[in-house]
Amino acid sequence: MNDSKWRELCAGVEELPFPPAYQLKVLDENEPSPSTIEPAPTYRGDWASTPEAALGVRVEWIKVAPRYQRHVGRLLPPVIDDCSDQLRSLLRRLRIPFVESDEFFTIYGHASGIDFDTI
């Protein structure tokens, strides 16, 4: 993907009910950041401050967790907010190829031979 598509995606995330957490793997690093990601993290993604330099050419893949575990009180169980449908619609509208598996959406910056979900 090019820088324009990454910018469109970052801007489009503002349309979602919450900014989903993500795990980022860049080409010149061996490990993704953060090293692991839960299907329903207790934190949100920081899409607005993603530096342009980290987008485009350097991104190998980004794994997005479309669920957020929201704590509502000490005696109540957490609530799981889910923006899977909205994220899927956003990716299709922006014509961004993605793979959906194991409760995550994976967007590849550089890939070949991957069976992407159709737009």
PDB file of N, CA and C in Angstrom:
ATOM      1  N   MET A   1       0.842  -1.182   0.000  1.00  0.00           N
ATOM      2  CA  MET A   1       0.000   0.000   0.000  1.00  0.00           C
ATOM      3  C   MET A   1       0.881   1.236   0.000  1.00  0.00           C
ATOM      4  N   ASN A   2       0.356   2.283  -0.573  1.00  0.00           N
ATOM      5  CA  ASN A   2       1.115   3.535  -0.595  1.00  0.00           C
ATOM      6  C   ASN A   2       0.693   4.450   0.557  1.00  0.00           C
ATOM      7  N   ASP A   3       1.433   5.552   0.711  1.00  0.00           N
ATOM      8  CA  ASP A   3       1.177   6.488   1.808  1.00  0.00           C
ATOM      9  C   ASP A   3      -0.247   7.048   1.783  1.00  0.00           C
ATOM     10  N   SER A   4      -0.784   7.294   0.584  1.00  0.00           N
ATOM     11  CA  SER A   4      -2.138   7.849   0.485  1.00  0.00           C
ATOM     12  C   SER A   4      -3.166   6.907   1.088  1.00  0.00           C
ATOM     13  N   LYS A   5      -3.039   5.623   0.811  1.00  0.00           N
ATOM     14  CA  LYS A   5      -3.977   4.639   1.362  1.00  0.00           C
ATOM     15  C   LYS A   5      -3.857   4.565   2.886  1.00  0.00           C
ATOM     16  N   TRP A   6      -2.624   4.609   3.400  1.00  0.00           N
ATOM     17  CA  TRP A   6      -2.448   4.582   4.856  1.00  0.00           C
ATOM     18  C   TRP A   6      -3.075   5.819   5.491  1.00  0.00           C
ATOM     19  N   ARG A   7      -2.907   6.994   4.847  1.00  0.00           N
ATOM     20  CA  ARG A   7      -3.513   8.219   5.382  1.00  0.00           C
ATOM     21  C   ARG A   7      -5.037   8.119   5.376  1.00  0.00           C
ATOM     22  N   GLU A   8      -5.611   7.584   4.276  1.00  0.00           N
ATOM     23  CA  GLU A   8      -7.054   7.402   4.193  1.00  0.00           C
ATOM     24  C   GLU A   8      -7.548   6.483   5.301  1.00  0.00           C
ATOM     25  N   LEU A   9      -6.799   5.416   5.559  1.00  0.00           N
ATOM     26  CA  LEU A   9      -7.189   4.489   6.617  1.00  0.00           C
ATOM     27  C   LEU A   9      -7.155   5.171   7.974  1.00  0.00           C
ATOM     28  N   CYS A  10      -6.084   5.881   8.274  1.00  0.00           N
ATOM     29  CA  CYS A  10      -5.975   6.575   9.572  1.00  0.00           C
ATOM     30  C   CYS A  10      -7.098   7.595   9.742  1.00  0.00           C
ATOM     31  N   ALA A  11      -7.433   8.315   8.688  1.00  0.00           N
ATOM     32  CA  ALA A  11      -8.532   9.281   8.756  1.00  0.00           C
ATOM     33  C   ALA A  11      -9.870   8.565   8.900  1.00  0.00           C
ATOM     34  N   GLY A  12     -10.032   7.442   8.214  1.00  0.00           N
ATOM     35  CA  GLY A  12     -11.283   6.693   8.271  1.00  0.00           C
ATOM     36  C   GLY A  12     -11.563   6.068   9.619  1.00  0.00           C
ATOM     37  N   VAL A  13     -10.520   5.776  10.380  1.00  0.00           N
ATOM     38  CA  VAL A  13     -10.697   5.185  11.711  1.00  0.00           C
ATOM     39  C   VAL A  13     -11.504   6.120  12.610  1.00  0.00           C
ATOM     40  N   GLU A  14     -11.475   7.414  12.336  1.00  0.00           N
ATOM     41  CA  GLU A  14     -12.254   8.374  13.121  1.00  0.00           C
ATOM     42  C   GLU A  14     -13.752   8.125  13.004  1.00  0.00           C
ATOM     43  N   GLU A  15     -14.191   7.436  11.943  1.00  0.00           N
ATOM     44  CA  GLU A  15     -15.607   7.123  11.744  1.00  0.00           C
ATOM     45  C   GLU A  15     -16.064   5.958  12.620  1.00  0.00           C
ATOM     46  N   LEU A  16     -15.119   5.181  13.132  1.00  0.00           N
ATOM     47  CA  LEU A  16     -15.456   4.011  13.935  1.00  0.00           C
ATOM     48  C   LEU A  16     -15.895   4.426  15.335  1.00  0.00           C
ATOM     49  N   PRO A  17     -16.640   3.578  16.042  1.00  0.00           N
ATOM     50  CA  PRO A  17     -17.087   3.910  17.397  1.00  0.00           C
ATOM     51  C   PRO A  17     -15.931   4.152  18.374  1.00  0.00           C
ATOM     52  N   PHE A  18     -14.786   3.533  18.134  1.00  0.00           N
ATOM     53  CA  PHE A  18     -13.579   3.722  18.932  1.00  0.00           C
ATOM     54  C   PHE A  18     -12.381   3.370  18.061  1.00  0.00           C
ATOM     55  N   PRO A  19     -11.209   3.943  18.345  1.00  0.00           N
ATOM     56  CA  PRO A  19     -10.022   3.605  17.561  1.00  0.00           C
ATOM     57  C   PRO A  19      -9.461   2.257  18.024  1.00  0.00           C
ATOM     58  N   PRO A  20      -9.566   1.213  17.195  1.00  0.00           N
ATOM     59  CA  PRO A  20      -9.141  -0.110  17.633  1.00  0.00           C
ATOM     60  C   PRO A  20      -7.632  -0.208  17.847  1.00  0.00           C
ATOM     61  N   ALA A  21      -7.262  -1.042  18.816  1.00  0.00           N
ATOM     62  CA  ALA A  21      -5.846  -1.300  19.081  1.00  0.00           C
ATOM     63  C   ALA A  21      -5.258  -2.079  17.909  1.00  0.00           C
ATOM     64  N   TYR A  22      -3.953  -1.950  17.733  1.00  0.00           N
ATOM     65  CA  TYR A  22      -3.304  -2.671  16.642  1.00  0.00           C
ATOM     66  C   TYR A  22      -1.889  -3.078  17.028  1.00  0.00           C
ATOM     67  N   GLN A  23      -1.387  -4.039  16.277  1.00  0.00           N
ATOM     68  CA  GLN A  23      -0.012  -4.505  16.404  1.00  0.00           C
ATOM     69  C   GLN A  23       0.657  -4.211  15.072  1.00  0.00           C
ATOM     70  N   LEU A  24       1.821  -3.576  15.107  1.00  0.00           N
ATOM     71  CA  LEU A  24       2.496  -3.111  13.894  1.00  0.00           C
ATOM     72  C   LEU A  24       3.819  -3.840  13.704  1.00  0.00           C
ATOM     73  N   LYS A  25       4.031  -4.358  12.500  1.00  0.00           N
ATOM     74  CA  LYS A  25       5.302  -4.985  12.142  1.00  0.00           C
ATOM     75  C   LYS A  25       5.897  -4.173  10.995  1.00  0.00           C
ATOM     76  N   VAL A  26       7.077  -3.609  11.206  1.00  0.00           N
ATOM     77  CA  VAL A  26       7.761  -2.856  10.159  1.00  0.00           C
ATOM     78  C   VAL A  26       8.888  -3.710   9.581  1.00  0.00           C
ATOM     79  N   LEU A  27       9.280  -3.397   8.368  1.00  0.00           N
ATOM     80  CA  LEU A  27      10.223  -4.229   7.628  1.00  0.00           C
ATOM     81  C   LEU A  27      11.589  -4.366   8.286  1.00  0.00           C
ATOM     82  N   ASP A  28      12.103  -3.316   8.880  1.00  0.00           N
ATOM     83  CA  ASP A  28      13.473  -3.364   9.390  1.00  0.00           C
ATOM     84  C   ASP A  28      13.569  -3.796  10.859  1.00  0.00           C
ATOM     85  N   GLU A  29      12.497  -4.348  11.415  1.00  0.00           N
ATOM     86  CA  GLU A  29      12.512  -4.855  12.788  1.00  0.00           C
ATOM     87  C   GLU A  29      12.089  -6.319  12.789  1.00  0.00           C
ATOM     88  N   ASN A  30      12.639  -7.082  13.717  1.00  0.00           N
ATOM     89  CA  ASN A  30      12.345  -8.513  13.776  1.00  0.00           C
ATOM     90  C   ASN A  30      11.022  -8.830  14.468  1.00  0.00           C
ATOM     91  N   GLU A  31      10.638  -8.022  15.437  1.00  0.00           N
ATOM     92  CA  GLU A  31       9.448  -8.278  16.242  1.00  0.00           C
ATOM     93  C   GLU A  31       8.404  -7.172  16.033  1.00  0.00           C
ATOM     94  N   PRO A  32       7.118  -7.550  16.079  1.00  0.00           N
ATOM     95  CA  PRO A  32       6.070  -6.522  16.008  1.00  0.00           C
ATOM     96  C   PRO A  32       5.981  -5.753  17.320  1.00  0.00           C
ATOM     97  N   SER A  33       5.298  -4.622  17.265  1.00  0.00           N
ATOM     98  CA  SER A  33       5.094  -3.810  18.449  1.00  0.00           C
ATOM     99  C   SER A  33       3.598  -3.538  18.610  1.00  0.00           C
ATOM    100  N   PRO A  34       3.008  -3.839  19.741  1.00  0.00           N
ATOM    101  CA  PRO A  34       3.545  -4.595  20.859  1.00  0.00           C
ATOM    102  C   PRO A  34       3.785  -6.044  20.452  1.00  0.00           C
ATOM    103  N   SER A  35       4.519  -6.783  21.279  1.00  0.00           N
ATOM    104  CA  SER A  35       4.893  -8.151  20.913  1.00  0.00           C
ATOM    105  C   SER A  35       3.684  -9.084  20.836  1.00  0.00           C
ATOM    106  N   THR A  36       2.649  -8.829  21.637  1.00  0.00           N
ATOM    107  CA  THR A  36       1.404  -9.601  21.566  1.00  0.00           C
ATOM    108  C   THR A  36       0.225  -8.650  21.626  1.00  0.00           C
ATOM    109  N   ILE A  37      -0.906  -9.143  21.154  1.00  0.00           N
ATOM    110  CA  ILE A  37      -2.136  -8.349  21.214  1.00  0.00           C
ATOM    111  C   ILE A  37      -3.291  -9.296  21.506  1.00  0.00           C
ATOM    112  N   GLU A  38      -4.143  -8.887  22.404  1.00  0.00           N
ATOM    113  CA  GLU A  38      -5.311  -9.677  22.783  1.00  0.00           C
ATOM    114  C   GLU A  38      -6.455  -9.414  21.804  1.00  0.00           C
ATOM    115  N   PRO A  39      -7.379 -10.362  21.649  1.00  0.00           N
ATOM    116  CA  PRO A  39      -8.532 -10.134  20.772  1.00  0.00           C
ATOM    117  C   PRO A  39      -9.422  -8.979  21.235  1.00  0.00           C
ATOM    118  N   ALA A  40      -9.452  -8.723  22.555  1.00  0.00           N
ATOM    119  CA  ALA A  40     -10.238  -7.605  23.096  1.00  0.00           C
ATOM    120  C   ALA A  40      -9.366  -6.866  24.108  1.00  0.00           C
ATOM    121  N   PRO A  41      -8.458  -6.010  23.634  1.00  0.00           N
ATOM    122  CA  PRO A  41      -7.567  -5.284  24.552  1.00  0.00           C
ATOM    123  C   PRO A  41      -8.333  -4.322  25.456  1.00  0.00           C
ATOM    124  N   THR A  42      -7.676  -3.945  26.547  1.00  0.00           N
ATOM    125  CA  THR A  42      -8.263  -2.975  27.480  1.00  0.00           C
ATOM    126  C   THR A  42      -7.795  -1.563  27.154  1.00  0.00           C
ATOM    127  N   TYR A  43      -7.145  -1.390  26.020  1.00  0.00           N
ATOM    128  CA  TYR A  43      -6.672  -0.075  25.579  1.00  0.00           C
ATOM    129  C   TYR A  43      -7.097   0.135  24.131  1.00  0.00           C
ATOM    130  N   ARG A  44      -7.059   1.364  23.706  1.00  0.00           N
ATOM    131  CA  ARG A  44      -7.438   1.720  22.333  1.00  0.00           C
ATOM    132  C   ARG A  44      -6.202   2.046  21.520  1.00  0.00           C
ATOM    133  N   GLY A  45      -6.351   2.029  20.208  1.00  0.00           N
ATOM    134  CA  GLY A  45      -5.241   2.349  19.318  1.00  0.00           C
ATOM    135  C   GLY A  45      -5.004   3.838  19.211  1.00  0.00           C
ATOM    136  N   ASP A  46      -3.784   4.203  18.922  1.00  0.00           N
ATOM    137  CA  ASP A  46      -3.403   5.609  18.793  1.00  0.00           C
ATOM    138  C   ASP A  46      -3.197   5.940  17.313  1.00  0.00           C
ATOM    139  N   TRP A  47      -4.274   5.917  16.542  1.00  0.00           N
ATOM    140  CA  TRP A  47      -4.208   6.119  15.099  1.00  0.00           C
ATOM    141  C   TRP A  47      -3.879   7.563  14.731  1.00  0.00           C
ATOM    142  N   ALA A  48      -4.304   8.515  15.526  1.00  0.00           N
ATOM    143  CA  ALA A  48      -4.121   9.927  15.185  1.00  0.00           C
ATOM    144  C   ALA A  48      -2.663  10.348  15.243  1.00  0.00           C
ATOM    145  N   SER A  49      -1.881   9.736  16.130  1.00  0.00           N
ATOM    146  CA  SER A  49      -0.488  10.164  16.250  1.00  0.00           C
ATOM    147  C   SER A  49       0.477   9.246  15.498  1.00  0.00           C
ATOM    148  N   THR A  50      -0.056   8.367  14.642  1.00  0.00           N
ATOM    149  CA  THR A  50       0.821   7.505  13.860  1.00  0.00           C
ATOM    150  C   THR A  50       1.623   8.387  12.910  1.00  0.00           C
ATOM    151  N   PRO A  51       2.931   8.436  13.074  1.00  0.00           N
ATOM    152  CA  PRO A  51       3.732   9.315  12.221  1.00  0.00           C
ATOM    153  C   PRO A  51       3.736   8.844  10.771  1.00  0.00           C
ATOM    154  N   GLU A  52       3.692   9.797   9.873  1.00  0.00           N
ATOM    155  CA  GLU A  52       3.696   9.460   8.449  1.00  0.00           C
ATOM    156  C   GLU A  52       4.917   8.629   8.069  1.00  0.00           C
ATOM    157  N   ALA A  53       6.041   8.872   8.745  1.00  0.00           N
ATOM    158  CA  ALA A  53       7.260   8.126   8.430  1.00  0.00           C
ATOM    159  C   ALA A  53       7.097   6.633   8.711  1.00  0.00           C
ATOM    160  N   ALA A  54       6.207   6.268   9.623  1.00  0.00           N
ATOM    161  CA  ALA A  54       6.004   4.859   9.957  1.00  0.00           C
ATOM    162  C   ALA A  54       5.037   4.172   8.994  1.00  0.00           C
ATOM    163  N   LEU A  55       4.410   4.929   8.139  1.00  0.00           N
ATOM    164  CA  LEU A  55       3.435   4.364   7.221  1.00  0.00           C
ATOM    165  C   LEU A  55       4.075   4.039   5.873  1.00  0.00           C
ATOM    166  N   GLY A  56       3.274   3.472   5.004  1.00  0.00           N
ATOM    167  CA  GLY A  56       3.707   3.236   3.634  1.00  0.00           C
ATOM    168  C   GLY A  56       4.819   2.224   3.493  1.00  0.00           C
ATOM    169  N   VAL A  57       5.950   2.662   3.021  1.00  0.00           N
ATOM    170  CA  VAL A  57       7.038   1.781   2.621  1.00  0.00           C
ATOM    171  C   VAL A  57       7.525   0.891   3.759  1.00  0.00           C
ATOM    172  N   ARG A  58       7.521   1.354   4.977  1.00  0.00           N
ATOM    173  CA  ARG A  58       8.095   0.599   6.094  1.00  0.00           C
ATOM    174  C   ARG A  58       7.163  -0.452   6.687  1.00  0.00           C
ATOM    175  N   VAL A  59       5.852  -0.341   6.494  1.00  0.00           N
ATOM    176  CA  VAL A  59       4.906  -1.259   7.127  1.00  0.00           C
ATOM    177  C   VAL A  59       4.884  -2.593   6.391  1.00  0.00           C
ATOM    178  N   GLU A  60       5.199  -3.658   7.137  1.00  0.00           N
ATOM    179  CA  GLU A  60       5.054  -4.997   6.570  1.00  0.00           C
ATOM    180  C   GLU A  60       3.598  -5.448   6.729  1.00  0.00           C
ATOM    181  N   TRP A  61       3.076  -5.311   7.955  1.00  0.00           N
ATOM    182  CA  TRP A  61       1.663  -5.582   8.226  1.00  0.00           C
ATOM    183  C   TRP A  61       1.223  -4.896   9.504  1.00  0.00           C
ATOM    184  N   ILE A  62      -0.104  -4.766   9.616  1.00  0.00           N
ATOM    185  CA  ILE A  62      -0.712  -4.225  10.823  1.00  0.00           C
ATOM    186  C   ILE A  62      -1.897  -5.128  11.161  1.00  0.00           C
ATOM    187  N   LYS A  63      -1.915  -5.619  12.386  1.00  0.00           N
ATOM    188  CA  LYS A  63      -2.989  -6.509  12.849  1.00  0.00           C
ATOM    189  C   LYS A  63      -3.887  -5.696  13.774  1.00  0.00           C
ATOM    190  N   VAL A  64      -5.159  -5.578  13.391  1.00  0.00           N
ATOM    191  CA  VAL A  64      -6.108  -4.728  14.113  1.00  0.00           C
ATOM    192  C   VAL A  64      -7.052  -5.603  14.937  1.00  0.00           C
ATOM    193  N   ALA A  65      -7.202  -5.263  16.205  1.00  0.00           N
ATOM    194  CA  ALA A  65      -8.145  -5.938  17.108  1.00  0.00           C
ATOM    195  C   ALA A  65      -9.410  -5.086  17.177  1.00  0.00           C
ATOM    196  N   PRO A  66     -10.501  -5.501  16.528  1.00  0.00           N
ATOM    197  CA  PRO A  66     -11.693  -4.653  16.447  1.00  0.00           C
ATOM    198  C   PRO A  66     -12.583  -4.681  17.685  1.00  0.00           C
ATOM    199  N   ARG A  67     -12.069  -5.199  18.787  1.00  0.00           N
ATOM    200  CA  ARG A  67     -12.846  -5.248  20.019  1.00  0.00           C
ATOM    201  C   ARG A  67     -12.110  -4.495  21.124  1.00  0.00           C
ATOM    202  N   TYR A  68     -12.892  -3.941  22.039  1.00  0.00           N
ATOM    203  CA  TYR A  68     -12.337  -3.173  23.149  1.00  0.00           C
ATOM    204  C   TYR A  68     -13.040  -3.618  24.428  1.00  0.00           C
ATOM    205  N   GLN A  69     -12.273  -4.003  25.423  1.00  0.00           N
ATOM    206  CA  GLN A  69     -12.811  -4.443  26.707  1.00  0.00           C
ATOM    207  C   GLN A  69     -12.920  -3.239  27.631  1.00  0.00           C
ATOM    208  N   ARG A  70     -14.152  -2.826  27.875  1.00  0.00           N
ATOM    209  CA  ARG A  70     -14.416  -1.622  28.657  1.00  0.00           C
ATOM    210  C   ARG A  70     -14.882  -2.014  30.056  1.00  0.00           C
ATOM    211  N   HIS A  71     -14.171  -1.525  31.051  1.00  0.00           N
ATOM    212  CA  HIS A  71     -14.550  -1.790  32.435  1.00  0.00           C
ATOM    213  C   HIS A  71     -15.619  -0.784  32.862  1.00  0.00           C
ATOM    214  N   VAL A  72     -16.675  -1.294  33.485  1.00  0.00           N
ATOM    215  CA  VAL A  72     -17.789  -0.427  33.876  1.00  0.00           C
ATOM    216  C   VAL A  72     -17.926  -0.283  35.391  1.00  0.00           C
ATOM    217  N   GLY A  73     -17.215  -1.076  36.138  1.00  0.00           N
ATOM    218  CA  GLY A  73     -17.279  -0.975  37.592  1.00  0.00           C
ATOM    219  C   GLY A  73     -16.609  -2.164  38.250  1.00  0.00           C
ATOM    220  N   ARG A  74     -16.406  -2.042  39.531  1.00  0.00           N
ATOM    221  CA  ARG A  74     -15.716  -3.102  40.270  1.00  0.00           C
ATOM    222  C   ARG A  74     -16.508  -4.398  40.319  1.00  0.00           C
ATOM    223  N   LEU A  75     -17.812  -4.305  40.467  1.00  0.00           N
ATOM    224  CA  LEU A  75     -18.638  -5.492  40.654  1.00  0.00           C
ATOM    225  C   LEU A  75     -19.289  -5.993  39.368  1.00  0.00           C
ATOM    226  N   LEU A  76     -19.119  -5.249  38.296  1.00  0.00           N
ATOM    227  CA  LEU A  76     -19.726  -5.632  37.025  1.00  0.00           C
ATOM    228  C   LEU A  76     -18.673  -6.203  36.090  1.00  0.00           C
ATOM    229  N   PRO A  77     -19.056  -7.176  35.286  1.00  0.00           N
ATOM    230  CA  PRO A  77     -18.091  -7.714  34.315  1.00  0.00           C
ATOM    231  C   PRO A  77     -17.819  -6.683  33.221  1.00  0.00           C
ATOM    232  N   PRO A  78     -16.654  -6.752  32.587  1.00  0.00           N
ATOM    233  CA  PRO A  78     -16.364  -5.800  31.513  1.00  0.00           C
ATOM    234  C   PRO A  78     -17.306  -5.992  30.322  1.00  0.00           C
ATOM    235  N   VAL A  79     -17.497  -4.923  29.587  1.00  0.00           N
ATOM    236  CA  VAL A  79     -18.318  -4.939  28.381  1.00  0.00           C
ATOM    237  C   VAL A  79     -17.371  -4.984  27.189  1.00  0.00           C
ATOM    238  N   ILE A  80     -17.685  -5.817  26.210  1.00  0.00           N
ATOM    239  CA  ILE A  80     -16.867  -5.901  25.001  1.00  0.00           C
ATOM    240  C   ILE A  80     -17.560  -5.101  23.904  1.00  0.00           C
ATOM    241  N   ASP A  81     -16.933  -3.990  23.497  1.00  0.00           N
ATOM    242  CA  ASP A  81     -17.424  -3.206  22.360  1.00  0.00           C
ATOM    243  C   ASP A  81     -16.779  -3.779  21.106  1.00  0.00           C
ATOM    244  N   ASP A  82     -17.550  -3.922  20.041  1.00  0.00           N
ATOM    245  CA  ASP A  82     -17.057  -4.549  18.816  1.00  0.00           C
ATOM    246  C   ASP A  82     -17.355  -3.657  17.613  1.00  0.00           C
ATOM    247  N   CYS A  83     -16.315  -3.321  16.850  1.00  0.00           N
ATOM    248  CA  CYS A  83     -16.506  -2.506  15.634  1.00  0.00           C
ATOM    249  C   CYS A  83     -16.101  -3.283  14.382  1.00  0.00           C
ATOM    250  N   SER A  84     -16.204  -4.625  14.443  1.00  0.00           N
ATOM    251  CA  SER A  84     -15.804  -5.467  13.308  1.00  0.00           C
ATOM    252  C   SER A  84     -16.549  -5.112  12.024  1.00  0.00           C
ATOM    253  N   ASP A  85     -17.866  -4.978  12.112  1.00  0.00           N
ATOM    254  CA  ASP A  85     -18.658  -4.680  10.916  1.00  0.00           C
ATOM    255  C   ASP A  85     -18.286  -3.321  10.326  1.00  0.00           C
ATOM    256  N   GLN A  86     -18.125  -2.317  11.186  1.00  0.00           N
ATOM    257  CA  GLN A  86     -17.772  -0.981  10.711  1.00  0.00           C
ATOM    258  C   GLN A  86     -16.364  -0.969  10.110  1.00  0.00           C
ATOM    259  N   LEU A  87     -15.420  -1.682  10.716  1.00  0.00           N
ATOM    260  CA  LEU A  87     -14.059  -1.743  10.190  1.00  0.00           C
ATOM    261  C   LEU A  87     -14.037  -2.453   8.847  1.00  0.00           C
ATOM    262  N   ARG A  88     -14.754  -3.560   8.735  1.00  0.00           N
ATOM    263  CA  ARG A  88     -14.844  -4.300   7.480  1.00  0.00           C
ATOM    264  C   ARG A  88     -15.411  -3.397   6.379  1.00  0.00           C
ATOM    265  N   SER A  89     -16.471  -2.659   6.698  1.00  0.00           N
ATOM    266  CA  SER A  89     -17.079  -1.741   5.721  1.00  0.00           C
ATOM    267  C   SER A  89     -16.100  -0.643   5.312  1.00  0.00           C
ATOM    268  N   LEU A  90     -15.377  -0.096   6.280  1.00  0.00           N
ATOM    269  CA  LEU A  90     -14.387   0.946   5.987  1.00  0.00           C
ATOM    270  C   LEU A  90     -13.303   0.425   5.056  1.00  0.00           C
ATOM    271  N   LEU A  91     -12.764  -0.745   5.357  1.00  0.00           N
ATOM    272  CA  LEU A  91     -11.704  -1.309   4.518  1.00  0.00           C
ATOM    273  C   LEU A  91     -12.203  -1.587   3.103  1.00  0.00           C
ATOM    274  N   ARG A  92     -13.412  -2.082   2.985  1.00  0.00           N
ATOM    275  CA  ARG A  92     -13.977  -2.349   1.651  1.00  0.00           C
ATOM    276  C   ARG A  92     -14.240  -1.044   0.902  1.00  0.00           C
ATOM    277  N   ARG A  93     -14.765  -0.044   1.611  1.00  0.00           N
ATOM    278  CA  ARG A  93     -15.052   1.244   0.958  1.00  0.00           C
ATOM    279  C   ARG A  93     -13.771   1.906   0.458  1.00  0.00           C
ATOM    280  N   LEU A  94     -12.698   1.817   1.254  1.00  0.00           N
ATOM    281  CA  LEU A  94     -11.425   2.411   0.854  1.00  0.00           C
ATOM    282  C   LEU A  94     -10.629   1.510  -0.097  1.00  0.00           C
ATOM    283  N   ARG A  95     -11.169   0.322  -0.365  1.00  0.00           N
ATOM    284  CA  ARG A  95     -10.542  -0.648  -1.258  1.00  0.00           C
ATOM    285  C   ARG A  95      -9.145  -1.037  -0.754  1.00  0.00           C
ATOM    286  N   ILE A  96      -9.085  -1.303   0.553  1.00  0.00           N
ATOM    287  CA  ILE A  96      -7.844  -1.735   1.191  1.00  0.00           C
ATOM    288  C   ILE A  96      -7.932  -3.245   1.379  1.00  0.00           C
ATOM    289  N   PRO A  97      -7.037  -4.000   0.759  1.00  0.00           N
ATOM    290  CA  PRO A  97      -7.081  -5.452   0.917  1.00  0.00           C
ATOM    291  C   PRO A  97      -6.713  -5.862   2.343  1.00  0.00           C
ATOM    292  N   PHE A  98      -7.414  -6.859   2.860  1.00  0.00           N
ATOM    293  CA  PHE A  98      -7.193  -7.313   4.221  1.00  0.00           C
ATOM    294  C   PHE A  98      -7.492  -8.799   4.325  1.00  0.00           C
ATOM    295  N   VAL A  99      -7.007  -9.392   5.386  1.00  0.00           N
ATOM    296  CA  VAL A  99      -7.310 -10.779   5.715  1.00  0.00           C
ATOM    297  C   VAL A  99      -7.946 -10.766   7.096  1.00  0.00           C
ATOM    298  N   GLU A 100      -9.081 -11.430   7.227  1.00  0.00           N
ATOM    299  CA  GLU A 100      -9.782 -11.500   8.501  1.00  0.00           C
ATOM    300  C   GLU A 100      -9.691 -12.927   9.017  1.00  0.00           C
ATOM    301  N   SER A 101      -9.032 -13.097  10.170  1.00  0.00           N
ATOM    302  CA  SER A 101      -8.938 -14.427  10.772  1.00  0.00           C
ATOM    303  C   SER A 101      -8.611 -14.305  12.250  1.00  0.00           C
ATOM    304  N   ASP A 102      -9.047 -15.296  13.001  1.00  0.00           N
ATOM    305  CA  ASP A 102      -8.770 -15.364  14.439  1.00  0.00           C
ATOM    306  C   ASP A 102      -9.122 -14.069  15.168  1.00  0.00           C
ATOM    307  N   GLU A 103     -10.268 -13.486  14.842  1.00  0.00           N
ATOM    308  CA  GLU A 103     -10.776 -12.277  15.503  1.00  0.00           C
ATOM    309  C   GLU A 103      -9.972 -11.012  15.215  1.00  0.00           C
ATOM    310  N   PHE A 104      -9.096 -11.053  14.227  1.00  0.00           N
ATOM    311  CA  PHE A 104      -8.271  -9.901  13.861  1.00  0.00           C
ATOM    312  C   PHE A 104      -8.432  -9.587  12.377  1.00  0.00           C
ATOM    313  N   PHE A 105      -8.130  -8.338  12.028  1.00  0.00           N
ATOM    314  CA  PHE A 105      -8.029  -7.908  10.635  1.00  0.00           C
ATOM    315  C   PHE A 105      -6.553  -7.617  10.387  1.00  0.00           C
ATOM    316  N   THR A 106      -5.969  -8.242   9.384  1.00  0.00           N
ATOM    317  CA  THR A 106      -4.572  -7.985   9.065  1.00  0.00           C
ATOM    318  C   THR A 106      -4.498  -7.275   7.726  1.00  0.00           C
ATOM    319  N   ILE A 107      -3.823  -6.137   7.730  1.00  0.00           N
ATOM    320  CA  ILE A 107      -3.633  -5.319   6.538  1.00  0.00           C
ATOM    321  C   ILE A 107      -2.145  -5.376   6.211  1.00  0.00           C
ATOM    322  N   TYR A 108      -1.822  -5.751   4.989  1.00  0.00           N
ATOM    323  CA  TYR A 108      -0.427  -5.906   4.594  1.00  0.00           C
ATOM    324  C   TYR A 108       0.043  -4.711   3.783  1.00  0.00           C
ATOM    325  N   GLY A 109       1.190  -4.172   4.165  1.00  0.00           N
ATOM    326  CA  GLY A 109       1.807  -3.099   3.397  1.00  0.00           C
ATOM    327  C   GLY A 109       2.600  -3.671   2.240  1.00  0.00           C
ATOM    328  N   HIS A 110       3.203  -4.821   2.484  1.00  0.00           N
ATOM    329  CA  HIS A 110       3.985  -5.535   1.471  1.00  0.00           C
ATOM    330  C   HIS A 110       3.586  -6.997   1.538  1.00  0.00           C
ATOM    331  N   ALA A 111       3.062  -7.533   0.452  1.00  0.00           N
ATOM    332  CA  ALA A 111       2.657  -8.929   0.457  1.00  0.00           C
ATOM    333  C   ALA A 111       2.546  -9.451  -0.967  1.00  0.00           C
ATOM    334  N   SER A 112       2.813 -10.715  -1.100  1.00  0.00           N
ATOM    335  CA  SER A 112       2.576 -11.387  -2.366  1.00  0.00           C
ATOM    336  C   SER A 112       2.110 -12.802  -2.056  1.00  0.00           C
ATOM    337  N   GLY A 113       1.224 -13.317  -2.864  1.00  0.00           N
ATOM    338  CA  GLY A 113       0.732 -14.659  -2.665  1.00  0.00           C
ATOM    339  C   GLY A 113      -0.222 -14.808  -1.507  1.00  0.00           C
ATOM    340  N   ILE A 114      -0.829 -13.721  -1.040  1.00  0.00           N
ATOM    341  CA  ILE A 114      -1.781 -13.780   0.076  1.00  0.00           C
ATOM    342  C   ILE A 114      -3.192 -13.704  -0.495  1.00  0.00           C
ATOM    343  N   ASP A 115      -4.069 -14.550   0.004  1.00  0.00           N
ATOM    344  CA  ASP A 115      -5.455 -14.565  -0.430  1.00  0.00           C
ATOM    345  C   ASP A 115      -6.237 -13.529   0.386  1.00  0.00           C
ATOM    346  N   PHE A 116      -6.352 -12.310  -0.152  1.00  0.00           N
ATOM    347  CA  PHE A 116      -7.039 -11.229   0.552  1.00  0.00           C
ATOM    348  C   PHE A 116      -8.539 -11.411   0.466  1.00  0.00           C
ATOM    349  N   ASP A 117      -9.247 -10.868   1.470  1.00  0.00           N
ATOM    350  CA  ASP A 117     -10.696 -10.824   1.400  1.00  0.00           C
ATOM    351  C   ASP A 117     -11.075  -9.912   0.238  1.00  0.00           C
ATOM    352  N   THR A 118     -12.074 -10.307  -0.506  1.00  0.00           N
ATOM    353  CA  THR A 118     -12.437  -9.528  -1.680  1.00  0.00           C
ATOM    354  C   THR A 118     -13.159  -8.256  -1.294  1.00  0.00           C
ATOM    355  N   ILE A 119     -13.041  -7.288  -2.156  1.00  0.00           N
ATOM    356  CA  ILE A 119     -13.615  -5.966  -1.887  1.00  0.00           C
ATOM    357  C   ILE A 119     -15.031  -5.892  -2.381  1.00  0.00           C
TER     358      ILE A 119
END
